[in-house]
Amino acid sequence: MLMAALPFSGITVKEAVEMTFIGTLCLLLVLTTLAGHLANRMGVPAVIGQILVGIIVGPAVLNWVQLNSILQIFSQIGVVILMFIGGLESNLGLLKKYLRPAVVVAIIGVIFPIVMIGAAGLAFSLKPFEAIFVGVVFSATSVSISVEVLRDYQSLDTKEGATILGAAVADDIIGVILLSVMIGMMGTQGAKAGQSPVNLGLVFLEQLLFFGVTYLMVKWIVPYLMRAGEKLLMASSVTITSMVICLGMAWLANLAGLSGAVGAFFAGIAVAHTPYREVIENHMEPIGYALFVPMFFAGIGLNMSFANLNHSIGLVIVLTALACLSKLTGCGLGALINGFDIHSSYMIGSGMISRGEMGLITAQIGFSVHLLSASYYSDLILVIILSTIVAPLLLKNAIHHLPQSKNVDVPAV
């Protein structure tokens, strides 16, 4: 049936579907480019315009475009490439230096959302387990959008940028562990959903193994692979090799129960410590920003829906405010404890607010194993997207309020 010819057209259904997707891709590229341009002209981060495109043309408003499986794949590739570029532009020395502050920021930044949002969930009559799960969802951070804003304002390679990146990686690991614990505690409900019991020991072992492999990749394997790639008699062989490394490490991170973005980020760090950094950076940016990265930001907007909003507007408003406030205060407090001044702490807290794909993935996993009822799932998705839109605005404001004289390297506490 799929290959049957359409009446009066001479093309098959399969070909029609493929051409429809190409038309959709063309529309989204035009609109995200124009929206990014207008956003920059108005002094707003371009990602805001691109996310708004997804909201307007998606189910929330016009319903012209739905986030189907093909667009979802493009979106996932987009976040992987974006984080790979972020790793390329990161300073490993700064990341190592600010590892301890980053871990403290991540831990406090996980505790605050779980307590504040969990309490709000109970106040809105969520079941205790559901309320805790909602808190866990908002304990996650999607640093990919913060990376984009930091790049736009040349703040990625700073002590604040390094702390945000390090805290986001630690935050991701803590979030995965908490989610695994909650799924494991579900027991019978997980079995009803057809899910295998979660072996927490195996999860920890897999993640430990991943970081062991990452160390070997950064230290020896990636430099060897890049040198071998240069010898291949193929155009852009070095760039292809780096892309293989990027996608491969993203896949390995996913196998270990982490976000593929984490693996891509470390792949970027590994490639950055080879003589090919500048070449790869110049080649990867056009690949990512010409197609895949805009699809990632538009995809966030396409997830939004205003269904049943009239019945849950209070919950959405409160959770959105707490989603921003809990990370801003929690991560900001963690930065203050570690010797950052108030301006830097505000910037670090702002950089940790975005939930993006991490929040969406965590919510989806929890919903699939009945950690959250269907009546609250769409509200949760809306709150994740709203907080993701607010995050780059706050981060831009924080960067502009950071005195230039203080935006230099200082001793870590």
Protein backbone atom coordinates (compact mmCIF):
# COMPACT_ATOMS: atom_id res chain seq x y z
CA MET A 1 0.00 0.00 0.00
CA LEU A 2 2.83 2.37 0.88
CA MET A 3 4.25 2.09 -2.62
CA ALA A 4 0.93 2.52 -4.42
CA ALA A 5 0.77 5.39 -6.89
CA LEU A 6 -1.29 8.43 -5.93
CA PRO A 7 -4.21 9.19 -8.28
CA PHE A 8 -3.39 11.65 -11.09
CA SER A 9 0.12 12.25 -9.79
CA GLY A 10 2.27 9.34 -10.88
CA ILE A 11 4.16 9.35 -7.56
CA THR A 12 3.97 6.82 -4.74
CA VAL A 13 2.69 7.48 -1.23
CA LYS A 14 6.24 6.99 0.05
CA GLU A 15 7.56 9.65 -2.33
CA ALA A 16 4.76 12.00 -1.34
CA VAL A 17 5.61 11.58 2.35
CA GLU A 18 9.29 12.23 1.66
CA MET A 19 8.55 15.37 -0.36
CA THR A 20 6.16 16.61 2.33
CA PHE A 21 8.95 16.28 4.88
CA ILE A 22 11.35 18.17 2.59
CA GLY A 23 8.77 20.94 2.24
CA THR A 24 8.34 21.04 6.01
CA LEU A 25 12.10 21.22 6.48
CA CYS A 26 12.30 24.09 4.00
CA LEU A 27 9.53 25.99 5.79
CA LEU A 28 11.14 25.57 9.21
CA LEU A 29 14.57 26.65 7.94
CA VAL A 30 13.14 29.81 6.37
CA LEU A 31 11.10 30.70 9.45
CA THR A 32 13.80 29.91 12.04
CA THR A 33 16.36 31.95 10.06
CA LEU A 34 14.05 34.96 9.82
CA ALA A 35 12.97 34.60 13.46
CA GLY A 36 16.58 34.38 14.63
CA HIS A 37 17.44 37.49 12.61
CA LEU A 38 14.52 39.46 14.05
CA ALA A 39 15.31 38.28 17.58
CA ASN A 40 18.91 39.47 17.25
CA ARG A 41 17.71 42.81 15.87
CA MET A 42 15.53 43.23 18.97
CA GLY A 43 18.40 42.27 21.28
CA VAL A 44 16.86 38.91 22.21
CA PRO A 45 18.81 35.61 21.94
CA ALA A 46 18.14 34.02 18.55
CA VAL A 47 17.07 30.73 20.17
CA ILE A 48 13.95 32.46 21.53
CA GLY A 49 12.83 33.30 18.00
CA GLN A 50 13.53 29.76 16.80
CA ILE A 51 11.58 28.18 19.67
CA LEU A 52 8.67 30.56 19.03
CA VAL A 53 8.58 29.39 15.41
CA GLY A 54 7.96 25.84 16.63
CA ILE A 55 5.22 27.05 18.98
CA ILE A 56 3.44 29.07 16.28
CA VAL A 57 3.53 26.53 13.43
CA GLY A 58 3.08 23.54 15.76
CA PRO A 59 0.07 22.05 17.56
CA ALA A 60 -0.03 24.92 20.08
CA VAL A 61 -1.20 27.55 17.56
CA LEU A 62 -1.48 26.93 13.79
CA ASN A 63 -0.96 23.14 13.80
CA TRP A 64 0.81 23.21 10.42
CA VAL A 65 3.69 20.99 11.59
CA GLN A 66 3.82 18.03 13.99
CA LEU A 67 6.99 16.71 15.60
CA ASN A 68 7.13 13.37 13.77
CA SER A 69 9.85 10.75 14.10
CA ILE A 70 11.97 12.20 11.27
CA LEU A 71 11.95 15.73 12.67
CA GLN A 72 12.72 14.25 16.10
CA ILE A 73 15.84 12.59 14.67
CA PHE A 74 16.97 15.88 13.11
CA SER A 75 16.37 17.57 16.46
CA GLN A 76 18.43 14.95 18.32
CA ILE A 77 21.30 15.29 15.85
CA GLY A 78 21.06 19.06 16.36
CA VAL A 79 21.58 18.91 20.12
CA VAL A 80 24.43 16.41 19.68
CA ILE A 81 26.26 18.68 17.22
CA LEU A 82 25.56 21.75 19.35
CA MET A 83 27.11 20.12 22.41
CA PHE A 84 30.04 18.83 20.35
CA ILE A 85 30.76 22.40 19.26
CA GLY A 86 30.39 23.49 22.89
CA GLY A 87 33.03 20.93 23.87
CA LEU A 88 35.32 22.13 21.08
CA GLU A 89 35.16 25.68 22.41
CA SER A 90 35.54 24.76 26.09
CA ASN A 91 38.70 25.19 28.10
CA LEU A 92 39.54 21.83 29.72
CA GLY A 93 41.88 23.57 32.15
CA LEU A 94 39.03 25.75 33.42
CA LEU A 95 36.67 22.76 33.59
CA LYS A 96 39.17 20.88 35.75
CA LYS A 97 39.87 23.92 37.90
CA TYR A 98 36.20 24.58 38.60
CA LEU A 99 35.15 20.94 38.99
CA ARG A 100 34.56 21.22 42.73
CA PRO A 101 32.40 24.39 42.48
CA ALA A 102 30.51 22.77 39.59
CA VAL A 103 29.68 19.68 41.67
CA VAL A 104 28.51 21.81 44.61
CA VAL A 105 26.38 23.95 42.27
CA ALA A 106 24.87 20.80 40.73
CA ILE A 107 24.02 19.15 44.08
CA ILE A 108 22.34 22.22 45.58
CA GLY A 109 20.71 22.88 42.22
CA VAL A 110 19.12 19.42 42.37
CA ILE A 111 17.96 19.66 46.00
CA PHE A 112 16.15 23.00 45.62
CA PRO A 113 13.84 21.98 42.72
CA ILE A 114 12.95 18.65 44.33
CA VAL A 115 11.99 20.33 47.62
CA MET A 116 10.31 23.48 46.23
CA ILE A 117 8.50 21.94 43.27
CA GLY A 118 7.68 18.75 45.15
CA ALA A 119 6.01 20.82 47.89
CA ALA A 120 4.08 22.81 45.26
CA GLY A 121 2.92 19.55 43.67
CA LEU A 122 1.55 18.35 47.01
CA ALA A 123 -0.24 21.70 47.44
CA PHE A 124 -1.95 21.11 44.07
CA SER A 125 -3.15 17.66 45.19
CA LEU A 126 -0.59 15.55 43.30
CA LYS A 127 0.11 12.17 44.87
CA PRO A 128 3.32 12.16 46.96
CA PHE A 129 5.19 9.98 44.47
CA GLU A 130 4.03 12.13 41.55
CA ALA A 131 5.07 15.31 43.37
CA ILE A 132 8.56 13.94 44.02
CA PHE A 133 8.86 12.85 40.39
CA VAL A 134 7.88 16.33 39.14
CA GLY A 135 10.64 17.71 41.36
CA VAL A 136 13.10 15.23 39.83
CA VAL A 137 12.05 16.30 36.31
CA PHE A 138 12.92 19.91 37.13
CA SER A 139 16.17 18.97 38.82
CA ALA A 140 17.56 18.26 35.33
CA THR A 141 19.37 20.92 33.29
CA SER A 142 19.66 21.21 29.53
CA VAL A 143 22.88 23.12 29.03
CA SER A 144 22.59 23.06 25.24
CA ILE A 145 20.57 26.29 25.13
CA SER A 146 22.88 27.94 27.65
CA VAL A 147 25.82 26.92 25.46
CA GLU A 148 24.23 28.71 22.52
CA VAL A 149 23.70 31.93 24.51
CA LEU A 150 27.20 31.76 26.02
CA ARG A 151 28.65 31.35 22.52
CA ASP A 152 26.66 34.30 21.20
CA TYR A 153 28.02 36.56 23.94
CA GLN A 154 31.60 35.16 23.97
CA SER A 155 31.22 33.88 27.53
CA LEU A 156 31.67 30.14 27.02
CA ASP A 157 35.39 30.16 27.85
CA THR A 158 35.09 31.92 31.22
CA LYS A 159 35.08 30.75 34.83
CA GLU A 160 31.29 31.12 34.91
CA GLY A 161 30.88 29.25 31.61
CA ALA A 162 33.15 26.44 32.80
CA THR A 163 31.18 26.11 36.04
CA ILE A 164 27.86 26.01 34.19
CA LEU A 165 29.13 23.29 31.83
CA GLY A 166 30.64 21.20 34.61
CA ALA A 167 27.57 21.57 36.82
CA ALA A 168 25.26 20.58 33.96
CA VAL A 169 27.20 17.34 33.37
CA ALA A 170 27.13 16.51 37.10
CA ASP A 171 23.46 17.51 37.19
CA ASP A 172 22.71 15.08 34.34
CA ILE A 173 24.36 12.19 36.19
CA ILE A 174 22.50 12.94 39.44
CA GLY A 175 19.20 13.22 37.55
CA VAL A 176 19.69 9.85 35.85
CA ILE A 177 20.45 8.22 39.19
CA LEU A 178 17.36 9.75 40.83
CA LEU A 179 15.14 8.70 37.92
CA SER A 180 16.55 5.16 38.07
CA VAL A 181 15.89 4.98 41.81
CA MET A 182 12.29 6.13 41.35
CA ILE A 183 11.64 3.64 38.56
CA GLY A 184 13.16 0.91 40.70
CA MET A 185 10.88 1.90 43.60
CA MET A 186 7.81 1.59 41.37
CA GLY A 187 8.23 -2.20 41.24
CA THR A 188 4.87 -3.61 40.23
CA GLN A 189 3.80 -0.57 38.22
CA GLY A 190 6.95 -0.80 36.17
CA ALA A 191 6.15 -4.45 35.51
CA LYS A 192 2.66 -3.54 34.35
CA ALA A 193 4.14 -1.13 31.84
CA GLY A 194 6.27 -3.92 30.45
CA GLN A 195 9.47 -2.46 31.88
CA SER A 196 12.30 -4.64 33.18
CA PRO A 197 13.34 -4.05 36.80
CA VAL A 198 16.06 -1.43 37.07
CA ASN A 199 19.37 -2.73 38.42
CA LEU A 200 20.87 0.35 40.08
CA GLY A 201 24.23 -1.32 40.53
CA LEU A 202 24.38 -2.02 36.80
CA VAL A 203 23.40 1.60 36.02
CA PHE A 204 26.24 2.93 38.20
CA LEU A 205 28.69 0.45 36.69
CA GLU A 206 27.71 1.43 33.13
CA GLN A 207 28.15 5.14 33.88
CA LEU A 208 31.49 4.51 35.59
CA LEU A 209 32.59 2.51 32.56
CA PHE A 210 31.50 5.31 30.23
CA PHE A 211 33.64 7.89 32.04
CA GLY A 212 36.55 5.44 32.02
CA VAL A 213 36.20 5.09 28.24
CA THR A 214 35.87 8.90 27.98
CA TYR A 215 39.21 9.34 29.77
CA LEU A 216 40.88 6.92 27.37
CA MET A 217 39.26 8.71 24.42
CA VAL A 218 40.52 12.13 25.50
CA LYS A 219 43.99 10.91 26.43
CA TRP A 220 44.91 8.47 23.64
CA ILE A 221 42.18 7.13 21.35
CA VAL A 222 40.87 10.37 19.80
CA PRO A 223 44.33 11.82 18.99
CA TYR A 224 45.21 8.52 17.27
CA LEU A 225 41.93 8.41 15.35
CA MET A 226 42.32 12.00 14.17
CA ARG A 227 45.86 11.33 12.91
CA ALA A 228 44.63 8.19 11.14
CA GLY A 229 41.73 10.13 9.62
CA GLU A 230 44.09 12.69 8.15
CA LYS A 231 45.83 9.94 6.16
CA LEU A 232 42.62 8.75 4.48
CA LEU A 233 42.39 9.60 0.77
CA MET A 234 38.98 11.25 1.16
CA ALA A 235 37.81 14.85 1.03
CA SER A 236 37.13 16.22 4.54
CA SER A 237 38.40 12.98 6.06
CA VAL A 238 39.38 14.71 9.31
CA THR A 239 35.92 16.24 9.65
CA ILE A 240 34.27 12.88 8.95
CA THR A 241 36.47 11.27 11.61
CA SER A 242 35.45 13.91 14.15
CA MET A 243 31.79 13.36 13.28
CA VAL A 244 32.19 9.62 13.84
CA ILE A 245 33.77 10.34 17.23
CA CYS A 246 30.95 12.76 18.11
CA LEU A 247 28.11 10.42 17.18
CA GLY A 248 29.89 7.37 18.62
CA MET A 249 30.40 8.96 22.04
CA ALA A 250 26.82 10.26 22.05
CA TRP A 251 25.66 6.69 21.39
CA LEU A 252 27.87 5.31 24.17
CA ALA A 253 26.55 7.90 26.64
CA ASN A 254 22.99 6.89 25.76
CA LEU A 255 23.85 3.22 26.34
CA ALA A 256 25.12 4.17 29.80
CA GLY A 257 21.80 5.85 30.61
CA LEU A 258 23.09 9.39 30.14
CA SER A 259 22.05 12.02 27.63
CA GLY A 260 23.74 11.73 24.24
CA ALA A 261 24.55 15.43 24.64
CA VAL A 262 26.98 14.52 27.46
CA GLY A 263 28.89 12.12 25.22
CA ALA A 264 29.00 14.68 22.40
CA PHE A 265 30.31 17.33 24.78
CA PHE A 266 33.22 15.14 25.89
CA ALA A 267 33.87 14.21 22.25
CA GLY A 268 34.27 17.91 21.53
CA ILE A 269 36.70 18.29 24.43
CA ALA A 270 38.70 15.31 23.16
CA VAL A 271 38.95 16.66 19.60
CA ALA A 272 39.79 20.13 20.93
CA HIS A 273 43.00 18.70 22.40
CA THR A 274 44.33 17.68 19.01
CA PRO A 275 45.99 19.88 16.37
CA TYR A 276 42.78 19.74 14.31
CA ARG A 277 40.59 21.84 16.61
CA GLU A 278 40.35 24.93 14.42
CA VAL A 279 39.69 22.95 11.22
CA ILE A 280 36.94 20.90 12.86
CA GLU A 281 35.35 23.96 14.46
CA ASN A 282 35.24 25.76 11.09
CA HIS A 283 33.68 22.72 9.41
CA MET A 284 31.21 21.64 12.10
CA GLU A 285 29.51 25.00 12.63
CA PRO A 286 28.14 25.17 9.05
CA ILE A 287 27.01 21.54 9.26
CA GLY A 288 25.15 22.11 12.51
CA TYR A 289 23.79 25.62 12.12
CA ALA A 290 22.72 25.25 8.49
CA LEU A 291 20.23 22.49 9.28
CA PHE A 292 20.26 20.44 12.46
CA VAL A 293 20.58 23.00 15.29
CA PRO A 294 17.59 25.10 14.10
CA MET A 295 15.52 21.90 14.03
CA PHE A 296 16.45 21.25 17.67
CA PHE A 297 15.21 24.66 18.81
CA ALA A 298 12.09 24.51 16.62
CA GLY A 299 11.44 21.00 17.95
CA ILE A 300 11.22 22.35 21.51
CA GLY A 301 8.40 24.65 20.40
CA LEU A 302 6.68 21.87 18.47
CA ASN A 303 6.33 19.95 21.75
CA MET A 304 4.12 22.65 23.23
CA SER A 305 0.37 22.24 23.54
CA PHE A 306 -2.24 24.42 25.20
CA ALA A 307 -4.70 21.55 25.60
CA ASN A 308 -6.60 21.65 28.91
CA LEU A 309 -4.71 24.80 29.92
CA ASN A 310 -7.93 26.39 31.24
CA HIS A 311 -8.16 23.69 33.90
CA SER A 312 -4.55 23.88 35.06
CA ILE A 313 -3.42 27.46 34.49
CA GLY A 314 -2.64 27.95 38.20
CA LEU A 315 -0.45 24.85 38.37
CA VAL A 316 1.41 25.85 35.18
CA ILE A 317 2.10 29.40 36.43
CA VAL A 318 3.33 28.25 39.85
CA LEU A 319 5.51 25.45 38.48
CA THR A 320 7.02 27.74 35.81
CA ALA A 321 7.93 30.34 38.44
CA LEU A 322 9.41 27.69 40.74
CA ALA A 323 11.24 25.97 37.88
CA CYS A 324 13.13 29.22 37.26
CA LEU A 325 13.45 30.31 40.89
CA SER A 326 14.64 26.96 42.26
CA LYS A 327 17.59 26.69 39.87
CA LEU A 328 18.41 30.40 40.06
CA THR A 329 18.55 30.40 43.87
CA GLY A 330 19.91 26.88 44.35
CA CYS A 331 22.72 27.05 41.81
CA GLY A 332 23.37 30.70 42.64
CA LEU A 333 23.76 29.77 46.31
CA GLY A 334 26.14 26.96 45.34
CA ALA A 335 28.24 29.48 43.41
CA LEU A 336 28.24 31.95 46.32
CA ILE A 337 29.38 29.21 48.71
CA ASN A 338 32.32 28.55 46.40
CA GLY A 339 33.54 32.14 46.36
CA PHE A 340 31.86 33.60 43.28
CA ASP A 341 30.53 37.15 43.65
CA ILE A 342 26.85 38.03 43.31
CA HIS A 343 27.07 38.85 39.58
CA SER A 344 28.83 35.59 38.70
CA SER A 345 26.44 33.61 40.93
CA TYR A 346 23.47 35.18 39.14
CA MET A 347 24.97 34.21 35.80
CA ILE A 348 25.63 30.61 36.91
CA GLY A 349 22.12 30.28 38.35
CA SER A 350 20.60 31.66 35.14
CA GLY A 351 22.69 29.29 33.03
CA MET A 352 21.27 26.29 34.87
CA ILE A 353 17.55 27.12 34.48
CA SER A 354 16.92 25.67 31.01
CA ARG A 355 15.32 22.20 31.04
CA GLY A 356 15.00 21.66 27.27
CA GLU A 357 15.44 18.13 26.00
CA MET A 358 16.62 16.79 29.38
CA GLY A 359 13.34 17.75 31.04
CA LEU A 360 11.30 16.46 28.10
CA ILE A 361 13.14 13.11 28.07
CA THR A 362 12.85 12.66 31.85
CA ALA A 363 9.14 13.48 31.78
CA GLN A 364 8.52 11.08 28.90
CA ILE A 365 10.37 8.22 30.59
CA GLY A 366 8.52 8.75 33.85
CA PHE A 367 5.17 8.96 32.07
CA SER A 368 5.88 5.71 30.19
CA VAL A 369 6.38 3.82 33.46
CA HIS A 370 3.43 5.48 35.23
CA LEU A 371 5.40 7.76 37.53
CA LEU A 372 3.07 10.53 36.31
CA SER A 373 -0.59 10.44 35.31
CA ALA A 374 -1.75 11.53 31.86
CA SER A 375 -3.73 14.45 33.33
CA TYR A 376 -0.50 16.17 34.44
CA TYR A 377 1.83 15.14 31.62
CA SER A 378 0.85 17.86 29.11
CA ASP A 379 1.04 20.50 31.85
CA LEU A 380 4.54 19.36 32.71
CA ILE A 381 5.65 19.60 29.07
CA LEU A 382 4.26 23.14 28.88
CA VAL A 383 6.13 24.19 32.03
CA ILE A 384 9.39 22.69 30.71
CA ILE A 385 9.09 24.68 27.48
CA LEU A 386 8.08 27.92 29.22
CA SER A 387 11.07 27.71 31.58
CA THR A 388 13.30 26.93 28.60
CA ILE A 389 12.11 30.13 26.89
CA VAL A 390 12.73 32.23 30.02
CA ALA A 391 16.23 30.79 30.62
CA PRO A 392 18.16 32.47 27.76
CA LEU A 393 16.55 35.82 28.55
CA LEU A 394 17.76 35.66 32.16
CA LEU A 395 21.20 34.42 31.09
CA LYS A 396 21.59 37.29 28.62
CA ASN A 397 20.62 39.75 31.36
CA ALA A 398 23.12 38.15 33.74
CA ILE A 399 25.94 38.35 31.19
CA HIS A 400 25.25 42.04 30.57
CA HIS A 401 25.35 42.74 34.31
CA LEU A 402 28.67 40.95 34.75
CA PRO A 403 31.43 43.56 35.11
CA GLN A 404 33.98 43.00 32.35
CA SER A 405 36.82 43.46 34.81
CA LYS A 406 35.53 40.48 36.77
CA ASN A 407 34.97 38.23 33.79
CA VAL A 408 38.49 36.84 34.10
CA ASP A 409 40.05 33.77 35.62
CA VAL A 410 40.29 33.77 39.43
CA PRO A 411 41.42 31.08 41.85
CA ALA A 412 38.81 28.42 42.50
CA VAL A 413 37.75 27.75 46.09
